[in-house]
PDB file of N, CA and C in Angstrom:
ATOM      1  N   MET A   1       0.937  -1.235  -0.045  1.00  0.00           N
ATOM      2  CA  MET A   1      -0.023   0.243  -0.108  1.00  0.00           C
ATOM      3  C   MET A   1       1.142   1.284  -0.202  1.00  0.00           C
ATOM      4  N   THR A   2       0.473   2.024  -0.814  1.00  0.00           N
ATOM      5  CA  THR A   2       1.175   3.635  -0.761  1.00  0.00           C
ATOM      6  C   THR A   2       0.878   4.248   0.052  1.00  0.00           C
ATOM      7  N   LYS A   3       1.554   5.157   0.556  1.00  0.00           N
ATOM      8  CA  LYS A   3       1.202   6.509   1.563  1.00  0.00           C
ATOM      9  C   LYS A   3       1.148   7.466   0.251  1.00  0.00           C
ATOM     10  N   GLN A   4      -0.139   8.497   0.648  1.00  0.00           N
ATOM     11  CA  GLN A   4      -0.011   9.450  -0.218  1.00  0.00           C
ATOM     12  C   GLN A   4      -0.437  10.739   0.654  1.00  0.00           C
ATOM     13  N   THR A   5       0.115  11.779   0.748  1.00  0.00           N
ATOM     14  CA  THR A   5      -0.132  12.758   1.485  1.00  0.00           C
ATOM     15  C   THR A   5      -0.561  14.095   0.445  1.00  0.00           C
ATOM     16  N   GLU A   6      -1.375  14.867   1.031  1.00  0.00           N
ATOM     17  CA  GLU A   6      -2.069  15.933  -0.348  1.00  0.00           C
ATOM     18  C   GLU A   6      -1.760  17.060   0.803  1.00  0.00           C
ATOM     19  N   ILE A   7      -1.146  17.902  -0.077  1.00  0.00           N
ATOM     20  CA  ILE A   7      -0.422  19.502   0.871  1.00  0.00           C
ATOM     21  C   ILE A   7      -1.405  20.180   0.091  1.00  0.00           C
ATOM     22  N   LEU A   8      -1.694  21.508   0.921  1.00  0.00           N
ATOM     23  CA  LEU A   8      -2.582  22.843   0.246  1.00  0.00           C
ATOM     24  C   LEU A   8      -1.331  23.651   0.441  1.00  0.00           C
ATOM     25  N   LEU A   9      -1.224  24.542  -0.455  1.00  0.00           N
ATOM     26  CA  LEU A   9      -0.372  25.620  -0.193  1.00  0.00           C
ATOM     27  C   LEU A   9      -0.819  26.895  -0.811  1.00  0.00           C
ATOM     28  N   LYS A  10       0.150  28.494  -0.180  1.00  0.00           N
ATOM     29  CA  LYS A  10      -0.298  29.323  -1.254  1.00  0.00           C
ATOM     30  C   LYS A  10       0.567  29.367  -1.996  1.00  0.00           C
ATOM     31  N   LYS A  11      -0.444  30.048  -2.865  1.00  0.00           N
ATOM     32  CA  LYS A  11       0.589  30.274  -4.604  1.00  0.00           C
ATOM     33  C   LYS A  11       1.865  31.297  -4.353  1.00  0.00           C
ATOM     34  N   GLU A  12       1.705  32.143  -3.002  1.00  0.00           N
ATOM     35  CA  GLU A  12       3.181  32.834  -2.901  1.00  0.00           C
ATOM     36  C   GLU A  12       4.261  31.815  -2.056  1.00  0.00           C
ATOM     37  N   THR A  13       3.746  30.779  -1.724  1.00  0.00           N
ATOM     38  CA  THR A  13       4.908  30.021  -1.216  1.00  0.00           C
ATOM     39  C   THR A  13       5.167  28.843  -2.171  1.00  0.00           C
ATOM     40  N   LYS A  14       4.730  28.507  -3.153  1.00  0.00           N
ATOM     41  CA  LYS A  14       4.826  27.031  -3.658  1.00  0.00           C
ATOM     42  C   LYS A  14       6.245  27.111  -4.199  1.00  0.00           C
ATOM     43  N   THR A  15       6.628  28.170  -4.826  1.00  0.00           N
ATOM     44  CA  THR A  15       8.186  28.030  -5.638  1.00  0.00           C
ATOM     45  C   THR A  15       9.040  27.661  -4.686  1.00  0.00           C
ATOM     46  N   GLU A  16       9.057  28.010  -3.189  1.00  0.00           N
ATOM     47  CA  GLU A  16       9.724  28.080  -2.155  1.00  0.00           C
ATOM     48  C   GLU A  16       9.613  26.617  -1.935  1.00  0.00           C
ATOM     49  N   VAL A  17       8.570  26.110  -1.726  1.00  0.00           N
ATOM     50  CA  VAL A  17       8.327  24.618  -0.831  1.00  0.00           C
ATOM     51  C   VAL A  17       8.605  23.610  -2.089  1.00  0.00           C
ATOM     52  N   ILE A  18       8.725  23.989  -3.398  1.00  0.00           N
ATOM     53  CA  ILE A  18       8.950  22.897  -4.438  1.00  0.00           C
ATOM     54  C   ILE A  18      10.602  22.936  -4.362  1.00  0.00           C
ATOM     55  N   GLU A  19      11.597  23.863  -4.054  1.00  0.00           N
ATOM     56  CA  GLU A  19      12.832  24.231  -4.165  1.00  0.00           C
ATOM     57  C   GLU A  19      13.057  23.360  -2.891  1.00  0.00           C
ATOM     58  N   VAL A  20      12.308  23.321  -1.708  1.00  0.00           N
ATOM     59  CA  VAL A  20      12.735  22.602  -0.177  1.00  0.00           C
ATOM     60  C   VAL A  20      12.817  21.227  -0.562  1.00  0.00           C
ATOM     61  N   MET A  21      11.373  20.731  -1.053  1.00  0.00           N
ATOM     62  CA  MET A  21      11.296  19.528  -1.543  1.00  0.00           C
ATOM     63  C   MET A  21      12.219  18.895  -2.487  1.00  0.00           C
ATOM     64  N   ASN A  22      12.653  19.776  -3.541  1.00  0.00           N
ATOM     65  CA  ASN A  22      13.432  19.101  -4.287  1.00  0.00           C
ATOM     66  C   ASN A  22      14.986  19.012  -3.285  1.00  0.00           C
ATOM     67  N   PHE A  23      15.574  19.792  -2.751  1.00  0.00           N
ATOM     68  CA  PHE A  23      16.554  19.557  -1.781  1.00  0.00           C
ATOM     69  C   PHE A  23      16.590  18.516  -0.910  1.00  0.00           C
ATOM     70  N   LEU A  24      15.092  18.416  -0.248  1.00  0.00           N
ATOM     71  CA  LEU A  24      14.930  17.064   0.663  1.00  0.00           C
ATOM     72  C   LEU A  24      15.196  15.955  -0.125  1.00  0.00           C
ATOM     73  N   ASN A  25      14.763  15.728  -1.415  1.00  0.00           N
ATOM     74  CA  ASN A  25      14.732  14.662  -2.469  1.00  0.00           C
ATOM     75  C   ASN A  25      16.348  14.030  -2.339  1.00  0.00           C
ATOM     76  N   GLU A  26      17.175  15.029  -2.590  1.00  0.00           N
ATOM     77  CA  GLU A  26      18.583  15.017  -2.547  1.00  0.00           C
ATOM     78  C   GLU A  26      19.319  14.406  -1.496  1.00  0.00           C
ATOM     79  N   LEU A  27      18.698  14.205  -0.248  1.00  0.00           N
ATOM     80  CA  LEU A  27      19.373  13.930   0.657  1.00  0.00           C
ATOM     81  C   LEU A  27      19.240  12.524   0.856  1.00  0.00           C
ATOM     82  N   THR A  28      20.558  11.813   1.498  1.00  0.00           N
ATOM     83  CA  THR A  28      20.547  10.563   2.121  1.00  0.00           C
ATOM     84  C   THR A  28      19.637  10.506   3.410  1.00  0.00           C
ATOM     85  N   ALA A  29      19.318   9.034   3.755  1.00  0.00           N
ATOM     86  CA  ALA A  29      18.500   8.842   4.586  1.00  0.00           C
ATOM     87  C   ALA A  29      18.925   9.650   6.038  1.00  0.00           C
ATOM     88  N   ASP A  30      20.035   9.715   6.325  1.00  0.00           N
ATOM     89  CA  ASP A  30      20.578   9.732   7.360  1.00  0.00           C
ATOM     90  C   ASP A  30      20.879  11.318   7.398  1.00  0.00           C
ATOM     91  N   GLU A  31      21.120  12.018   6.371  1.00  0.00           N
ATOM     92  CA  GLU A  31      21.014  13.484   6.227  1.00  0.00           C
ATOM     93  C   GLU A  31      19.592  14.124   6.418  1.00  0.00           C
ATOM     94  N   LYS A  32      18.644  13.421   5.885  1.00  0.00           N
ATOM     95  CA  LYS A  32      17.096  13.723   6.202  1.00  0.00           C
ATOM     96  C   LYS A  32      17.285  13.674   7.929  1.00  0.00           C
ATOM     97  N   GLN A  33      17.364  12.630   8.585  1.00  0.00           N
ATOM     98  CA  GLN A  33      17.387  12.529   9.997  1.00  0.00           C
ATOM     99  C   GLN A  33      17.780  13.683  10.797  1.00  0.00           C
ATOM    100  N   LYS A  34      19.105  14.218  10.232  1.00  0.00           N
ATOM    101  CA  LYS A  34      20.002  15.285  11.182  1.00  0.00           C
ATOM    102  C   LYS A  34      19.494  16.522  10.486  1.00  0.00           C
ATOM    103  N   MET A  35      18.633  16.604   9.439  1.00  0.00           N
ATOM    104  CA  MET A  35      17.662  17.972   9.046  1.00  0.00           C
ATOM    105  C   MET A  35      16.456  17.875   9.764  1.00  0.00           C
ATOM    106  N   LEU A  36      15.743  17.053  10.139  1.00  0.00           N
ATOM    107  CA  LEU A  36      15.037  16.698  11.145  1.00  0.00           C
ATOM    108  C   LEU A  36      15.080  17.194  12.141  1.00  0.00           C
ATOM    109  N   ALA A  37      16.298  16.611  13.062  1.00  0.00           N
ATOM    110  CA  ALA A  37      16.411  16.977  14.366  1.00  0.00           C
ATOM    111  C   ALA A  37      16.898  18.674  14.087  1.00  0.00           C
ATOM    112  N   PHE A  38      17.571  18.937  13.164  1.00  0.00           N
ATOM    113  CA  PHE A  38      17.774  20.695  13.068  1.00  0.00           C
ATOM    114  C   PHE A  38      16.491  21.508  13.321  1.00  0.00           C
ATOM    115  N   ILE A  39      15.664  20.925  12.727  1.00  0.00           N
ATOM    116  CA  ILE A  39      14.358  21.878  12.435  1.00  0.00           C
ATOM    117  C   ILE A  39      13.656  21.866  13.493  1.00  0.00           C
ATOM    118  N   GLN A  40      13.630  20.375  13.963  1.00  0.00           N
ATOM    119  CA  GLN A  40      12.547  20.206  15.360  1.00  0.00           C
ATOM    120  C   GLN A  40      13.393  21.410  16.770  1.00  0.00           C
ATOM    121  N   GLY A  41      14.632  21.526  16.693  1.00  0.00           N
ATOM    122  CA  GLY A  41      15.284  22.315  17.060  1.00  0.00           C
ATOM    123  C   GLY A  41      14.942  23.717  17.185  1.00  0.00           C
ATOM    124  N   ALA A  42      15.067  24.114  15.830  1.00  0.00           N
ATOM    125  CA  ALA A  42      14.663  25.438  15.635  1.00  0.00           C
ATOM    126  C   ALA A  42      12.997  25.869  16.086  1.00  0.00           C
ATOM    127  N   ARG A  43      12.323  24.579  15.692  1.00  0.00           N
ATOM    128  CA  ARG A  43      10.916  25.028  16.253  1.00  0.00           C
ATOM    129  C   ARG A  43      10.723  25.057  17.716  1.00  0.00           C
ATOM    130  N   PHE A  44      11.764  24.393  18.190  1.00  0.00           N
ATOM    131  CA  PHE A  44      11.314  24.199  19.913  1.00  0.00           C
ATOM    132  C   PHE A  44      11.731  25.753  20.385  1.00  0.00           C
ATOM    133  N   VAL A  45      12.921  26.281  19.848  1.00  0.00           N
ATOM    134  CA  VAL A  45      13.223  27.259  20.047  1.00  0.00           C
ATOM    135  C   VAL A  45      12.553  28.699  19.854  1.00  0.00           C
ATOM    136  N   LYS A  46      11.803  28.638  18.638  1.00  0.00           N
ATOM    137  CA  LYS A  46      10.690  29.728  18.547  1.00  0.00           C
ATOM    138  C   LYS A  46       9.437  29.152  19.400  1.00  0.00           C
ATOM    139  N   GLY A  47       9.510  28.256  19.903  1.00  0.00           N
ATOM    140  CA  GLY A  47       8.326  28.294  20.809  1.00  0.00           C
ATOM    141  C   GLY A  47       8.612  28.660  22.134  1.00  0.00           C
ATOM    142  N   LEU A  48       9.864  28.681  22.502  1.00  0.00           N
ATOM    143  CA  LEU A  48      10.557  29.377  23.498  1.00  0.00           C
ATOM    144  C   LEU A  48      10.352  31.002  23.444  1.00  0.00           C
ATOM    145  N   GLU A  49      10.539  31.174  22.406  1.00  0.00           N
ATOM    146  CA  GLU A  49      10.449  32.750  22.118  1.00  0.00           C
ATOM    147  C   GLU A  49       9.387  33.469  21.957  1.00  0.00           C
ATOM    148  N   ARG A  50       8.268  32.536  21.579  1.00  0.00           N
ATOM    149  CA  ARG A  50       6.923  33.009  21.539  1.00  0.00           C
ATOM    150  C   ARG A  50       6.246  32.834  22.924  1.00  0.00           C
ATOM    151  N   GLU A  51       6.530  32.220  23.898  1.00  0.00           N
ATOM    152  CA  GLU A  51       6.251  32.082  25.214  1.00  0.00           C
ATOM    153  C   GLU A  51       6.981  33.245  25.721  1.00  0.00           C
ATOM    154  N   GLY A  52       8.036  33.938  25.386  1.00  0.00           N
ATOM    155  CA  GLY A  52       8.731  34.792  26.378  1.00  0.00           C
ATOM    156  C   GLY A  52       9.806  34.613  27.143  1.00  0.00           C
ATOM    157  N   ILE A  53       9.957  33.290  26.690  1.00  0.00           N
ATOM    158  CA  ILE A  53      11.201  32.868  27.859  1.00  0.00           C
ATOM    159  C   ILE A  53      12.410  33.331  27.280  1.00  0.00           C
ATOM    160  N   HIS A  54      13.238  34.261  28.621  1.00  0.00           N
ATOM    161  CA  HIS A  54      14.456  35.165  28.577  1.00  0.00           C
ATOM    162  C   HIS A  54      15.660  34.247  27.618  1.00  0.00           C
ATOM    163  N   GLY A  55      16.271  34.613  26.995  1.00  0.00           N
ATOM    164  CA  GLY A  55      17.594  33.721  26.838  1.00  0.00           C
ATOM    165  C   GLY A  55      17.247  32.678  25.830  1.00  0.00           C
ATOM    166  N   ALA A  56      16.180  32.760  25.381  1.00  0.00           N
ATOM    167  CA  ALA A  56      16.248  31.465  24.447  1.00  0.00           C
ATOM    168  C   ALA A  56      16.879  31.198  23.588  1.00  0.00           C
ATOM    169  N   ALA A  57      17.241  32.620  22.591  1.00  0.00           N
ATOM    170  CA  ALA A  57      17.818  32.762  21.720  1.00  0.00           C
ATOM    171  C   ALA A  57      18.527  33.865  21.698  1.00  0.00           C
ATOM    172  N   GLN A  58      19.942  34.179  21.320  1.00  0.00           N
ATOM    173  CA  GLN A  58      20.626  35.074  21.598  1.00  0.00           C
ATOM    174  C   GLN A  58      21.288  35.718  20.415  1.00  0.00           C
ATOM    175  N   THR A  59      21.385  36.710  20.113  1.00  0.00           N
ATOM    176  CA  THR A  59      22.029  37.333  18.575  1.00  0.00           C
ATOM    177  C   THR A  59      23.537  37.195  19.206  1.00  0.00           C
ATOM    178  N   VAL A  60      24.259  36.849  18.401  1.00  0.00           N
ATOM    179  CA  VAL A  60      25.821  36.770  18.271  1.00  0.00           C
ATOM    180  C   VAL A  60      26.167  38.042  17.281  1.00  0.00           C
TER     181      VAL A  60
END
């Protein structure tokens, strides 16, 4: 059985999403796992920033 996902995109972001998807398709399975870990970390920090936790992200 094939897994299928349908994603609805705004026209304005379609080009960027296609570029990101093409990039991800070039990665190895290990590289995809590392990219996922990076994105999850970035998402975590953004969540801290939204909650107003000081020191969550500091500009160097």
